[in-house]
Amino acid sequence: MTNPRLSKSIPALLSLALAGLALAVASVSATAEEKKAKPQEPEKPYHQRVMAKPPETPRARAEVLSNLYALLQTSDRASTGNEISAVIERLWMVSFSDTIGVLMRRSSQALAAKNEVLALKFLDAVVELAPDYAEGWHQRAAVHYTRNDFPRALGDLRRVLALDANHYKALEGLSRLLEETGQKAGALAAHRQLMSVHPFFEGAKQRLRELERKSEGQGI
């Protein structure tokens, strides 16, 4: 026998259920429409994402640098190229060693105090402890260069470029050193290599014209 109270409540329950379902469908549809209407934020360029999660090993850093160099070489605007180069130069300084980091900071402090002898002692320790850290060799080459110790500067620059052939500041140093020692053709070749890596390097176009003029008549 059917319960009359139950019979009366079933249609009411069905109505409530259908109303709830309709509200849920409407809510889902509205959310979907909102997502469609709201513009998606464009993903940041690669070079802007790098430092948000910096590489944690030398191998990972080398891979990231390779990508950044490729972006730098193909950049079509100076502003973008300079942004990329700023990230590259931050990565050059990463040593993955607290000890090396302290030694590098102390060498910078010594140079700021115009104590090149002390700076060299710190940098000697850096290249001894971390011979695969290109920036240690580069910084030491710069000190040798300012002291007119060209043979040692040249040796250190060659070590930098053996570790990182795209290190454009080492290429600049090599070009200037070769120019000062009368090797104008070599200076021009190094400078052209620099520009192939970093087309927007400051003053590079003007210096290219000067080197080309000085190299006229010499074998290149």
N, C-alpha and C. Protein backbone atom coordinates (compact mmCIF):
# COMPACT_ATOMS: atom_id res chain seq x y z
N MET A 1 0.85 -1.20 0.00
CA MET A 1 0.00 0.00 0.00
C MET A 1 0.89 1.25 0.00
N THR A 2 0.59 2.19 -0.85
CA THR A 2 1.39 3.40 -0.98
C THR A 2 1.09 4.38 0.14
N ASN A 3 2.20 4.92 0.70
CA ASN A 3 2.06 5.92 1.76
C ASN A 3 1.68 7.24 1.10
N PRO A 4 0.52 7.81 1.43
CA PRO A 4 0.07 9.06 0.77
C PRO A 4 0.99 10.22 1.03
N ARG A 5 1.58 10.25 2.26
CA ARG A 5 2.51 11.36 2.54
C ARG A 5 3.75 11.28 1.66
N LEU A 6 4.24 10.04 1.48
CA LEU A 6 5.42 9.84 0.63
C LEU A 6 5.11 10.19 -0.81
N SER A 7 3.93 9.81 -1.26
CA SER A 7 3.54 10.11 -2.64
C SER A 7 3.52 11.61 -2.89
N LYS A 8 3.06 12.34 -1.88
CA LYS A 8 3.01 13.79 -2.05
C LYS A 8 4.41 14.43 -2.03
N SER A 9 5.36 13.82 -1.25
CA SER A 9 6.69 14.44 -1.11
C SER A 9 7.61 14.16 -2.29
N ILE A 10 7.38 13.07 -3.03
CA ILE A 10 8.28 12.71 -4.14
C ILE A 10 8.35 13.80 -5.20
N PRO A 11 7.24 14.31 -5.69
CA PRO A 11 7.33 15.39 -6.70
C PRO A 11 8.06 16.61 -6.17
N ALA A 12 7.85 16.92 -4.91
CA ALA A 12 8.54 18.09 -4.34
C ALA A 12 10.04 17.87 -4.30
N LEU A 13 10.44 16.68 -3.89
CA LEU A 13 11.87 16.36 -3.85
C LEU A 13 12.48 16.40 -5.24
N LEU A 14 11.72 15.85 -6.22
CA LEU A 14 12.22 15.89 -7.61
C LEU A 14 12.39 17.32 -8.09
N SER A 15 11.46 18.16 -7.73
CA SER A 15 11.54 19.57 -8.16
C SER A 15 12.76 20.25 -7.56
N LEU A 16 13.00 19.96 -6.29
CA LEU A 16 14.18 20.56 -5.63
C LEU A 16 15.47 20.06 -6.28
N ALA A 17 15.52 18.77 -6.57
CA ALA A 17 16.72 18.19 -7.18
C ALA A 17 16.97 18.80 -8.55
N LEU A 18 15.89 18.93 -9.34
CA LEU A 18 16.04 19.50 -10.68
C LEU A 18 16.48 20.96 -10.60
N ALA A 19 15.95 21.67 -9.62
CA ALA A 19 16.33 23.08 -9.46
C ALA A 19 17.79 23.20 -9.09
N GLY A 20 18.26 22.31 -8.20
CA GLY A 20 19.67 22.32 -7.81
C GLY A 20 20.58 22.00 -8.98
N LEU A 21 20.17 21.03 -9.78
CA LEU A 21 20.96 20.66 -10.96
C LEU A 21 21.06 21.82 -11.93
N ALA A 22 19.95 22.51 -12.11
CA ALA A 22 19.94 23.66 -13.03
C ALA A 22 20.88 24.75 -12.55
N LEU A 23 20.88 24.98 -11.22
CA LEU A 23 21.79 26.00 -10.67
C LEU A 23 23.24 25.61 -10.86
N ALA A 24 23.56 24.31 -10.65
CA ALA A 24 24.94 23.82 -10.81
C ALA A 24 25.40 23.99 -12.25
N VAL A 25 24.51 23.62 -13.21
CA VAL A 25 24.86 23.76 -14.62
C VAL A 25 25.08 25.22 -14.97
N ALA A 26 24.23 26.08 -14.45
CA ALA A 26 24.36 27.52 -14.73
C ALA A 26 25.66 28.06 -14.17
N SER A 27 26.04 27.58 -12.96
CA SER A 27 27.29 28.03 -12.33
C SER A 27 28.50 27.62 -13.14
N VAL A 28 28.49 26.34 -13.61
CA VAL A 28 29.60 25.85 -14.43
C VAL A 28 29.70 26.63 -15.72
N SER A 29 28.56 26.89 -16.34
CA SER A 29 28.54 27.64 -17.61
C SER A 29 29.08 29.05 -17.41
N ALA A 30 28.67 29.67 -16.28
CA ALA A 30 29.13 31.04 -16.00
C ALA A 30 30.63 31.07 -15.79
N THR A 31 31.14 30.07 -15.05
CA THR A 31 32.59 30.00 -14.81
C THR A 31 33.35 29.83 -16.12
N ALA A 32 32.82 28.96 -17.00
CA ALA A 32 33.47 28.74 -18.30
C ALA A 32 33.48 30.02 -19.12
N GLU A 33 32.36 30.75 -19.07
CA GLU A 33 32.28 32.00 -19.82
C GLU A 33 33.25 33.04 -19.28
N GLU A 34 33.39 33.06 -17.93
CA GLU A 34 34.33 34.01 -17.32
C GLU A 34 35.76 33.72 -17.77
N LYS A 35 36.11 32.41 -17.81
CA LYS A 35 37.46 32.03 -18.23
C LYS A 35 37.72 32.42 -19.67
N LYS A 36 36.65 32.27 -20.50
CA LYS A 36 36.81 32.66 -21.90
C LYS A 36 36.99 34.17 -22.03
N ALA A 37 36.20 34.90 -21.22
CA ALA A 37 36.23 36.36 -21.32
C ALA A 37 37.53 36.93 -20.77
N LYS A 38 38.09 36.29 -19.70
CA LYS A 38 39.29 36.81 -19.06
C LYS A 38 40.52 36.49 -19.93
N PRO A 39 41.25 37.49 -20.38
CA PRO A 39 42.42 37.21 -21.24
C PRO A 39 43.51 36.48 -20.47
N GLN A 40 44.10 35.49 -21.12
CA GLN A 40 45.19 34.73 -20.52
C GLN A 40 46.46 35.57 -20.50
N GLU A 41 47.16 35.55 -19.32
CA GLU A 41 48.41 36.30 -19.21
C GLU A 41 49.47 35.66 -20.10
N PRO A 42 50.14 36.43 -20.97
CA PRO A 42 51.18 35.83 -21.82
C PRO A 42 52.36 35.36 -20.97
N GLU A 43 52.94 34.25 -21.37
CA GLU A 43 54.08 33.71 -20.64
C GLU A 43 55.28 34.64 -20.81
N LYS A 44 56.02 34.83 -19.73
CA LYS A 44 57.19 35.71 -19.79
C LYS A 44 58.25 35.10 -20.69
N PRO A 45 59.07 35.94 -21.33
CA PRO A 45 60.15 35.42 -22.16
C PRO A 45 61.11 34.55 -21.35
N TYR A 46 61.79 33.66 -22.02
CA TYR A 46 62.69 32.69 -21.36
C TYR A 46 63.69 33.38 -20.45
N HIS A 47 64.33 34.45 -20.94
CA HIS A 47 65.38 35.08 -20.15
C HIS A 47 64.84 35.74 -18.87
N GLN A 48 63.54 36.06 -18.85
CA GLN A 48 62.95 36.63 -17.65
C GLN A 48 62.53 35.55 -16.65
N ARG A 49 62.38 34.32 -17.13
CA ARG A 49 62.00 33.22 -16.24
C ARG A 49 63.19 32.53 -15.60
N VAL A 50 64.37 32.71 -16.19
CA VAL A 50 65.55 31.97 -15.75
C VAL A 50 65.87 32.22 -14.28
N MET A 51 65.96 33.50 -13.89
CA MET A 51 66.41 33.81 -12.55
C MET A 51 65.34 33.56 -11.48
N ALA A 52 64.09 33.32 -11.92
CA ALA A 52 63.06 32.94 -10.95
C ALA A 52 63.35 31.56 -10.38
N LYS A 53 63.98 30.72 -11.19
CA LYS A 53 64.40 29.40 -10.75
C LYS A 53 65.78 29.13 -11.34
N PRO A 54 66.83 29.70 -10.73
CA PRO A 54 68.19 29.59 -11.29
C PRO A 54 68.67 28.14 -11.36
N PRO A 55 69.54 27.83 -12.30
CA PRO A 55 70.10 26.47 -12.39
C PRO A 55 70.87 26.13 -11.11
N GLU A 56 70.80 24.86 -10.73
CA GLU A 56 71.37 24.45 -9.45
C GLU A 56 72.68 23.69 -9.58
N THR A 57 73.12 23.40 -10.80
CA THR A 57 74.38 22.69 -11.00
C THR A 57 75.13 23.34 -12.15
N PRO A 58 76.46 23.15 -12.21
CA PRO A 58 77.21 23.70 -13.35
C PRO A 58 76.70 23.20 -14.70
N ARG A 59 76.30 21.94 -14.75
CA ARG A 59 75.80 21.40 -16.02
C ARG A 59 74.50 22.09 -16.43
N ALA A 60 73.60 22.28 -15.46
CA ALA A 60 72.34 22.97 -15.76
C ALA A 60 72.61 24.41 -16.17
N ARG A 61 73.56 25.04 -15.50
CA ARG A 61 73.91 26.42 -15.85
C ARG A 61 74.44 26.49 -17.29
N ALA A 62 75.28 25.52 -17.68
CA ALA A 62 75.82 25.49 -19.04
C ALA A 62 74.70 25.37 -20.07
N GLU A 63 73.69 24.56 -19.77
CA GLU A 63 72.57 24.39 -20.70
C GLU A 63 71.76 25.69 -20.82
N VAL A 64 71.53 26.33 -19.68
CA VAL A 64 70.78 27.59 -19.70
C VAL A 64 71.57 28.66 -20.45
N LEU A 65 72.87 28.74 -20.19
CA LEU A 65 73.70 29.73 -20.90
C LEU A 65 73.67 29.49 -22.40
N SER A 66 73.72 28.23 -22.80
CA SER A 66 73.66 27.92 -24.24
C SER A 66 72.37 28.45 -24.85
N ASN A 67 71.26 28.28 -24.14
CA ASN A 67 69.97 28.80 -24.63
C ASN A 67 69.98 30.33 -24.69
N LEU A 68 70.54 30.95 -23.66
CA LEU A 68 70.57 32.41 -23.62
C LEU A 68 71.47 32.99 -24.70
N TYR A 69 72.61 32.35 -24.95
CA TYR A 69 73.49 32.82 -26.03
C TYR A 69 72.77 32.75 -27.38
N ALA A 70 72.02 31.67 -27.58
CA ALA A 70 71.28 31.53 -28.85
C ALA A 70 70.25 32.64 -28.98
N LEU A 71 69.56 32.96 -27.89
CA LEU A 71 68.59 34.06 -27.93
C LEU A 71 69.28 35.40 -28.17
N LEU A 72 70.43 35.59 -27.54
CA LEU A 72 71.17 36.84 -27.70
C LEU A 72 71.63 37.02 -29.14
N GLN A 73 72.13 35.96 -29.74
CA GLN A 73 72.64 36.03 -31.11
C GLN A 73 71.55 36.35 -32.12
N THR A 74 70.32 35.93 -31.80
CA THR A 74 69.22 36.13 -32.76
C THR A 74 68.29 37.27 -32.36
N SER A 75 68.61 37.96 -31.28
CA SER A 75 67.77 39.08 -30.84
C SER A 75 67.77 40.18 -31.89
N ASP A 76 66.59 40.79 -32.11
CA ASP A 76 66.50 41.84 -33.14
C ASP A 76 66.35 43.24 -32.55
N ARG A 77 66.41 43.33 -31.21
CA ARG A 77 66.31 44.64 -30.57
C ARG A 77 67.37 44.78 -29.50
N ALA A 78 67.96 45.97 -29.42
CA ALA A 78 69.01 46.21 -28.43
C ALA A 78 68.49 46.05 -27.01
N SER A 79 67.27 46.52 -26.76
CA SER A 79 66.73 46.45 -25.40
C SER A 79 66.61 45.01 -24.94
N THR A 80 66.11 44.15 -25.82
CA THR A 80 65.98 42.73 -25.47
C THR A 80 67.36 42.09 -25.32
N GLY A 81 68.25 42.41 -26.25
CA GLY A 81 69.60 41.86 -26.18
C GLY A 81 70.30 42.23 -24.89
N ASN A 82 70.12 43.46 -24.45
CA ASN A 82 70.77 43.90 -23.21
C ASN A 82 70.14 43.25 -21.98
N GLU A 83 68.84 42.99 -22.04
CA GLU A 83 68.19 42.26 -20.95
C GLU A 83 68.76 40.84 -20.85
N ILE A 84 68.92 40.20 -21.99
CA ILE A 84 69.45 38.83 -22.02
C ILE A 84 70.89 38.81 -21.51
N SER A 85 71.69 39.77 -21.96
CA SER A 85 73.09 39.79 -21.55
C SER A 85 73.22 40.04 -20.05
N ALA A 86 72.29 40.80 -19.47
CA ALA A 86 72.33 41.04 -18.02
C ALA A 86 72.11 39.74 -17.25
N VAL A 87 71.21 38.89 -17.75
CA VAL A 87 70.98 37.59 -17.11
C VAL A 87 72.20 36.70 -17.29
N ILE A 88 72.79 36.71 -18.47
CA ILE A 88 73.99 35.91 -18.73
C ILE A 88 75.10 36.28 -17.74
N GLU A 89 75.31 37.57 -17.55
CA GLU A 89 76.40 38.01 -16.69
C GLU A 89 76.14 37.68 -15.21
N ARG A 90 74.88 37.63 -14.82
CA ARG A 90 74.56 37.17 -13.47
C ARG A 90 74.90 35.68 -13.32
N LEU A 91 74.62 34.92 -14.36
CA LEU A 91 74.92 33.49 -14.31
C LEU A 91 76.42 33.22 -14.33
N TRP A 92 77.18 34.07 -15.02
CA TRP A 92 78.65 33.91 -15.01
C TRP A 92 79.18 33.91 -13.58
N MET A 93 78.60 34.74 -12.74
CA MET A 93 79.11 34.92 -11.39
C MET A 93 78.76 33.76 -10.45
N VAL A 94 77.77 32.95 -10.82
CA VAL A 94 77.35 31.85 -9.95
C VAL A 94 78.44 30.78 -9.92
N SER A 95 78.91 30.46 -8.71
CA SER A 95 80.02 29.51 -8.58
C SER A 95 79.61 28.19 -7.97
N PHE A 96 78.42 28.11 -7.37
CA PHE A 96 77.93 26.91 -6.69
C PHE A 96 78.83 26.51 -5.51
N SER A 97 79.54 27.47 -4.97
CA SER A 97 80.44 27.21 -3.84
C SER A 97 80.48 28.44 -2.95
N ASP A 98 80.19 28.25 -1.68
CA ASP A 98 80.24 29.38 -0.75
C ASP A 98 81.66 29.92 -0.63
N THR A 99 82.64 29.01 -0.63
CA THR A 99 84.04 29.43 -0.50
C THR A 99 84.47 30.29 -1.68
N ILE A 100 84.13 29.85 -2.89
CA ILE A 100 84.48 30.62 -4.09
C ILE A 100 83.75 31.96 -4.07
N GLY A 101 82.50 31.95 -3.64
CA GLY A 101 81.76 33.20 -3.57
C GLY A 101 82.42 34.21 -2.65
N VAL A 102 82.90 33.74 -1.49
CA VAL A 102 83.59 34.63 -0.54
C VAL A 102 84.88 35.16 -1.16
N LEU A 103 85.65 34.30 -1.80
CA LEU A 103 86.91 34.72 -2.41
C LEU A 103 86.68 35.74 -3.52
N MET A 104 85.64 35.53 -4.31
CA MET A 104 85.33 36.48 -5.38
C MET A 104 84.93 37.84 -4.81
N ARG A 105 84.14 37.83 -3.76
CA ARG A 105 83.73 39.11 -3.14
C ARG A 105 84.94 39.83 -2.56
N ARG A 106 85.83 39.08 -1.94
CA ARG A 106 87.01 39.71 -1.34
C ARG A 106 87.94 40.26 -2.41
N SER A 107 88.03 39.59 -3.54
CA SER A 107 88.86 40.12 -4.62
C SER A 107 88.27 41.43 -5.14
N SER A 108 86.93 41.49 -5.25
CA SER A 108 86.27 42.72 -5.69
C SER A 108 86.51 43.85 -4.70
N GLN A 109 86.44 43.53 -3.42
CA GLN A 109 86.69 44.55 -2.40
C GLN A 109 88.13 45.05 -2.45
N ALA A 110 89.06 44.13 -2.70
CA ALA A 110 90.46 44.52 -2.80
C ALA A 110 90.68 45.43 -4.00
N LEU A 111 90.03 45.12 -5.12
CA LEU A 111 90.15 45.95 -6.31
C LEU A 111 89.54 47.33 -6.07
N ALA A 112 88.41 47.36 -5.36
CA ALA A 112 87.79 48.64 -5.04
C ALA A 112 88.71 49.50 -4.18
N ALA A 113 89.54 48.83 -3.36
CA ALA A 113 90.51 49.54 -2.52
C ALA A 113 91.84 49.76 -3.24
N LYS A 114 91.85 49.41 -4.55
CA LYS A 114 93.03 49.56 -5.40
C LYS A 114 94.21 48.72 -4.91
N ASN A 115 93.90 47.58 -4.32
CA ASN A 115 94.93 46.65 -3.87
C ASN A 115 94.95 45.46 -4.82
N GLU A 116 95.61 45.63 -5.97
CA GLU A 116 95.61 44.60 -6.99
C GLU A 116 96.37 43.35 -6.56
N VAL A 117 97.41 43.54 -5.77
CA VAL A 117 98.21 42.39 -5.31
C VAL A 117 97.34 41.46 -4.46
N LEU A 118 96.57 42.04 -3.54
CA LEU A 118 95.69 41.23 -2.70
C LEU A 118 94.59 40.59 -3.54
N ALA A 119 94.04 41.34 -4.48
CA ALA A 119 92.99 40.79 -5.35
C ALA A 119 93.51 39.58 -6.11
N LEU A 120 94.76 39.66 -6.58
CA LEU A 120 95.34 38.53 -7.31
C LEU A 120 95.49 37.31 -6.41
N LYS A 121 95.82 37.52 -5.15
CA LYS A 121 95.96 36.39 -4.23
C LYS A 121 94.62 35.65 -4.09
N PHE A 122 93.56 36.42 -3.95
CA PHE A 122 92.24 35.80 -3.85
C PHE A 122 91.88 35.07 -5.15
N LEU A 123 92.17 35.69 -6.29
CA LEU A 123 91.82 35.08 -7.57
C LEU A 123 92.70 33.87 -7.88
N ASP A 124 93.95 33.90 -7.42
CA ASP A 124 94.80 32.72 -7.56
C ASP A 124 94.16 31.53 -6.83
N ALA A 125 93.62 31.81 -5.64
CA ALA A 125 92.97 30.76 -4.87
C ALA A 125 91.71 30.26 -5.59
N VAL A 126 90.98 31.18 -6.21
CA VAL A 126 89.76 30.80 -6.93
C VAL A 126 90.07 29.82 -8.06
N VAL A 127 91.04 30.16 -8.90
CA VAL A 127 91.31 29.30 -10.06
C VAL A 127 91.95 27.98 -9.64
N GLU A 128 92.63 27.99 -8.50
CA GLU A 128 93.21 26.74 -8.00
C GLU A 128 92.12 25.82 -7.45
N LEU A 129 91.17 26.39 -6.71
CA LEU A 129 90.10 25.59 -6.11
C LEU A 129 89.01 25.21 -7.10
N ALA A 130 88.78 26.08 -8.09
CA ALA A 130 87.69 25.85 -9.05
C ALA A 130 88.19 26.11 -10.47
N PRO A 131 89.05 25.23 -11.01
CA PRO A 131 89.62 25.47 -12.34
C PRO A 131 88.60 25.46 -13.48
N ASP A 132 87.39 24.95 -13.22
CA ASP A 132 86.35 24.93 -14.26
C ASP A 132 85.41 26.13 -14.17
N TYR A 133 85.71 27.03 -13.26
CA TYR A 133 84.87 28.22 -13.07
C TYR A 133 85.42 29.35 -13.94
N ALA A 134 84.80 29.57 -15.08
CA ALA A 134 85.34 30.49 -16.09
C ALA A 134 85.50 31.91 -15.57
N GLU A 135 84.58 32.36 -14.72
CA GLU A 135 84.63 33.75 -14.30
C GLU A 135 85.82 34.04 -13.41
N GLY A 136 86.32 33.02 -12.70
CA GLY A 136 87.53 33.22 -11.91
C GLY A 136 88.71 33.57 -12.80
N TRP A 137 88.86 32.83 -13.90
CA TRP A 137 89.93 33.13 -14.86
C TRP A 137 89.73 34.49 -15.50
N HIS A 138 88.47 34.82 -15.81
CA HIS A 138 88.20 36.11 -16.46
C HIS A 138 88.56 37.28 -15.56
N GLN A 139 88.16 37.19 -14.29
CA GLN A 139 88.47 38.28 -13.37
C GLN A 139 89.98 38.41 -13.17
N ARG A 140 90.68 37.28 -13.12
CA ARG A 140 92.13 37.36 -12.94
C ARG A 140 92.79 37.93 -14.19
N ALA A 141 92.28 37.57 -15.36
CA ALA A 141 92.82 38.12 -16.61
C ALA A 141 92.68 39.63 -16.62
N ALA A 142 91.55 40.14 -16.13
CA ALA A 142 91.32 41.59 -16.11
C ALA A 142 92.36 42.29 -15.22
N VAL A 143 92.68 41.67 -14.09
CA VAL A 143 93.68 42.27 -13.19
C VAL A 143 95.06 42.25 -13.85
N HIS A 144 95.42 41.13 -14.45
CA HIS A 144 96.70 41.05 -15.15
C HIS A 144 96.77 42.11 -16.26
N TYR A 145 95.67 42.31 -16.95
CA TYR A 145 95.64 43.27 -18.05
C TYR A 145 95.87 44.69 -17.53
N THR A 146 95.22 45.05 -16.43
CA THR A 146 95.39 46.40 -15.89
C THR A 146 96.82 46.61 -15.38
N ARG A 147 97.50 45.53 -15.05
CA ARG A 147 98.89 45.62 -14.59
C ARG A 147 99.88 45.49 -15.75
N ASN A 148 99.33 45.47 -16.99
CA ASN A 148 100.15 45.34 -18.20
C ASN A 148 100.94 44.03 -18.24
N ASP A 149 100.43 43.03 -17.56
CA ASP A 149 101.04 41.70 -17.62
C ASP A 149 100.31 40.92 -18.71
N PHE A 150 100.61 41.27 -19.96
CA PHE A 150 99.86 40.73 -21.09
C PHE A 150 100.01 39.21 -21.27
N PRO A 151 101.19 38.62 -21.08
CA PRO A 151 101.29 37.16 -21.24
C PRO A 151 100.37 36.41 -20.29
N ARG A 152 100.34 36.83 -19.01
CA ARG A 152 99.45 36.14 -18.06
C ARG A 152 97.98 36.42 -18.38
N ALA A 153 97.68 37.64 -18.77
CA ALA A 153 96.30 37.97 -19.14
C ALA A 153 95.86 37.12 -20.33
N LEU A 154 96.73 36.98 -21.31
CA LEU A 154 96.40 36.18 -22.49
C LEU A 154 96.15 34.72 -22.11
N GLY A 155 97.00 34.18 -21.24
CA GLY A 155 96.83 32.80 -20.82
C GLY A 155 95.49 32.59 -20.11
N ASP A 156 95.12 33.54 -19.25
CA ASP A 156 93.85 33.42 -18.53
C ASP A 156 92.65 33.57 -19.47
N LEU A 157 92.74 34.47 -20.42
CA LEU A 157 91.64 34.65 -21.36
C LEU A 157 91.44 33.40 -22.21
N ARG A 158 92.52 32.76 -22.57
CA ARG A 158 92.39 31.53 -23.35
C ARG A 158 91.73 30.43 -22.52
N ARG A 159 92.00 30.40 -21.21
CA ARG A 159 91.34 29.44 -20.35
C ARG A 159 89.84 29.73 -20.27
N VAL A 160 89.48 31.01 -20.17
CA VAL A 160 88.05 31.37 -20.14
C VAL A 160 87.35 30.85 -21.39
N LEU A 161 87.95 31.14 -22.54
CA LEU A 161 87.30 30.79 -23.81
C LEU A 161 87.32 29.29 -24.07
N ALA A 162 88.26 28.58 -23.46
CA ALA A 162 88.23 27.11 -23.55
C ALA A 162 87.04 26.56 -22.77
N LEU A 163 86.69 27.23 -21.68
CA LEU A 163 85.56 26.81 -20.86
C LEU A 163 84.23 27.33 -21.40
N ASP A 164 84.25 28.51 -22.00
CA ASP A 164 83.03 29.14 -22.51
C ASP A 164 83.39 29.97 -23.73
N ALA A 165 83.26 29.36 -24.89
CA ALA A 165 83.67 30.03 -26.14
C ALA A 165 82.84 31.26 -26.46
N ASN A 166 81.68 31.40 -25.81
CA ASN A 166 80.80 32.54 -26.07
C ASN A 166 80.93 33.65 -25.04
N HIS A 167 81.92 33.56 -24.18
CA HIS A 167 82.10 34.59 -23.15
C HIS A 167 82.55 35.88 -23.84
N TYR A 168 81.59 36.75 -24.14
CA TYR A 168 81.87 37.90 -25.00
C TYR A 168 82.77 38.93 -24.33
N LYS A 169 82.77 39.00 -23.02
CA LYS A 169 83.69 39.95 -22.37
C LYS A 169 85.13 39.44 -22.44
N ALA A 170 85.31 38.14 -22.40
CA ALA A 170 86.66 37.58 -22.59
C ALA A 170 87.11 37.83 -24.03
N LEU A 171 86.19 37.73 -24.98
CA LEU A 171 86.52 38.03 -26.38
C LEU A 171 86.90 39.50 -26.55
N GLU A 172 86.21 40.37 -25.83
CA GLU A 172 86.56 41.79 -25.89
C GLU A 172 87.97 42.00 -25.33
N GLY A 173 88.24 41.37 -24.17
CA GLY A 173 89.57 41.50 -23.58
C GLY A 173 90.65 40.97 -24.49
N LEU A 174 90.38 39.84 -25.13
CA LEU A 174 91.35 39.26 -26.06
C LEU A 174 91.60 40.19 -27.23
N SER A 175 90.52 40.76 -27.77
CA SER A 175 90.66 41.69 -28.90
C SER A 175 91.51 42.90 -28.53
N ARG A 176 91.27 43.47 -27.38
CA ARG A 176 92.03 44.66 -26.96
C ARG A 176 93.48 44.32 -26.68
N LEU A 177 93.71 43.16 -26.07
CA LEU A 177 95.08 42.75 -25.78
C LEU A 177 95.86 42.53 -27.08
N LEU A 178 95.23 41.87 -28.04
CA LEU A 178 95.90 41.63 -29.32
C LEU A 178 96.18 42.94 -30.05
N GLU A 179 95.25 43.87 -29.95
CA GLU A 179 95.46 45.17 -30.59
C GLU A 179 96.66 45.88 -29.96
N GLU A 180 96.73 45.85 -28.63
CA GLU A 180 97.82 46.56 -27.95
C GLU A 180 99.18 45.92 -28.21
N THR A 181 99.19 44.66 -28.56
CA THR A 181 100.46 43.98 -28.84
C THR A 181 100.74 43.93 -30.35
N GLY A 182 100.00 44.77 -31.11
CA GLY A 182 100.29 44.90 -32.54
C GLY A 182 99.68 43.85 -33.43
N GLN A 183 98.84 42.99 -32.88
CA GLN A 183 98.24 41.92 -33.69
C GLN A 183 96.84 42.36 -34.13
N LYS A 184 96.83 43.30 -35.06
CA LYS A 184 95.57 43.95 -35.44
C LYS A 184 94.60 42.99 -36.13
N ALA A 185 95.13 42.09 -36.95
CA ALA A 185 94.25 41.13 -37.63
C ALA A 185 93.59 40.20 -36.62
N GLY A 186 94.36 39.74 -35.65
CA GLY A 186 93.80 38.89 -34.61
C GLY A 186 92.79 39.64 -33.76
N ALA A 187 93.07 40.92 -33.49
CA ALA A 187 92.15 41.73 -32.71
C ALA A 187 90.82 41.87 -33.43
N LEU A 188 90.88 42.07 -34.75
CA LEU A 188 89.66 42.20 -35.55
C LEU A 188 88.87 40.89 -35.55
N ALA A 189 89.57 39.78 -35.68
CA ALA A 189 88.89 38.48 -35.70
C ALA A 189 88.19 38.22 -34.36
N ALA A 190 88.86 38.52 -33.26
CA ALA A 190 88.25 38.32 -31.94
C ALA A 190 87.04 39.23 -31.76
N HIS A 191 87.15 40.46 -32.27
CA HIS A 191 86.04 41.40 -32.13
C HIS A 191 84.85 40.95 -32.97
N ARG A 192 85.10 40.44 -34.13
CA ARG A 192 83.99 39.93 -34.96
C ARG A 192 83.31 38.75 -34.27
N GLN A 193 84.10 37.92 -33.62
CA GLN A 193 83.52 36.80 -32.89
C GLN A 193 82.64 37.31 -31.75
N LEU A 194 83.12 38.34 -31.06
CA LEU A 194 82.32 38.98 -30.00
C LEU A 194 80.97 39.42 -30.56
N MET A 195 80.98 40.10 -31.69
CA MET A 195 79.74 40.64 -32.26
C MET A 195 78.81 39.55 -32.76
N SER A 196 79.38 38.40 -33.12
CA SER A 196 78.51 37.30 -33.54
C SER A 196 77.76 36.72 -32.35
N VAL A 197 78.33 36.86 -31.16
CA VAL A 197 77.68 36.37 -29.95
C VAL A 197 76.74 37.44 -29.39
N HIS A 198 77.24 38.68 -29.32
CA HIS A 198 76.47 39.78 -28.71
C HIS A 198 76.42 40.94 -29.70
N PRO A 199 75.43 40.95 -30.59
CA PRO A 199 75.35 41.99 -31.64
C PRO A 199 75.19 43.40 -31.08
N PHE A 200 74.73 43.52 -29.83
CA PHE A 200 74.44 44.84 -29.27
C PHE A 200 75.45 45.25 -28.21
N PHE A 201 76.60 44.62 -28.19
CA PHE A 201 77.63 44.96 -27.21
C PHE A 201 77.97 46.45 -27.35
N GLU A 202 78.04 47.13 -26.22
CA GLU A 202 78.20 48.59 -26.24
C GLU A 202 79.47 49.03 -26.98
N GLY A 203 79.30 49.91 -27.95
CA GLY A 203 80.43 50.46 -28.71
C GLY A 203 81.03 49.50 -29.72
N ALA A 204 80.42 48.33 -29.90
CA ALA A 204 81.03 47.31 -30.75
C ALA A 204 81.09 47.71 -32.22
N LYS A 205 80.04 48.36 -32.72
CA LYS A 205 80.03 48.72 -34.14
C LYS A 205 81.09 49.76 -34.46
N GLN A 206 81.23 50.74 -33.59
CA GLN A 206 82.24 51.77 -33.81
C GLN A 206 83.64 51.17 -33.76
N ARG A 207 83.87 50.29 -32.78
CA ARG A 207 85.19 49.68 -32.67
C ARG A 207 85.48 48.76 -33.85
N LEU A 208 84.47 48.13 -34.38
CA LEU A 208 84.65 47.29 -35.56
C LEU A 208 85.18 48.12 -36.72
N ARG A 209 84.59 49.30 -36.93
CA ARG A 209 85.05 50.17 -38.02
C ARG A 209 86.51 50.60 -37.80
N GLU A 210 86.85 50.91 -36.55
CA GLU A 210 88.22 51.32 -36.25
C GLU A 210 89.21 50.19 -36.51
N LEU A 211 88.86 48.98 -36.08
CA LEU A 211 89.75 47.84 -36.28
C LEU A 211 89.88 47.49 -37.76
N GLU A 212 88.79 47.61 -38.48
CA GLU A 212 88.84 47.33 -39.93
C GLU A 212 89.77 48.35 -40.61
N ARG A 213 89.67 49.60 -40.20
CA ARG A 213 90.55 50.61 -40.79
C ARG A 213 92.02 50.34 -40.46
N LYS A 214 92.29 49.99 -39.21
CA LYS A 214 93.67 49.72 -38.80
C LYS A 214 94.23 48.46 -39.43
N SER A 215 93.33 47.53 -39.76
CA SER A 215 93.78 46.24 -40.30
C SER A 215 93.94 46.25 -41.81
N GLU A 216 93.62 47.36 -42.46
CA GLU A 216 93.75 47.43 -43.92
C GLU A 216 95.22 47.17 -44.30
N GLY A 217 95.36 46.27 -45.25
CA GLY A 217 96.73 45.95 -45.70
C GLY A 217 97.33 44.80 -44.94
N GLN A 218 96.68 44.36 -43.85
CA GLN A 218 97.19 43.21 -43.12
C GLN A 218 96.37 41.99 -43.49
N GLY A 219 96.97 40.83 -43.41
CA GLY A 219 96.24 39.60 -43.67
C GLY A 219 95.31 39.32 -42.50
N ILE A 220 94.08 38.94 -42.82
CA ILE A 220 93.11 38.67 -41.76
C ILE A 220 92.77 37.19 -41.76
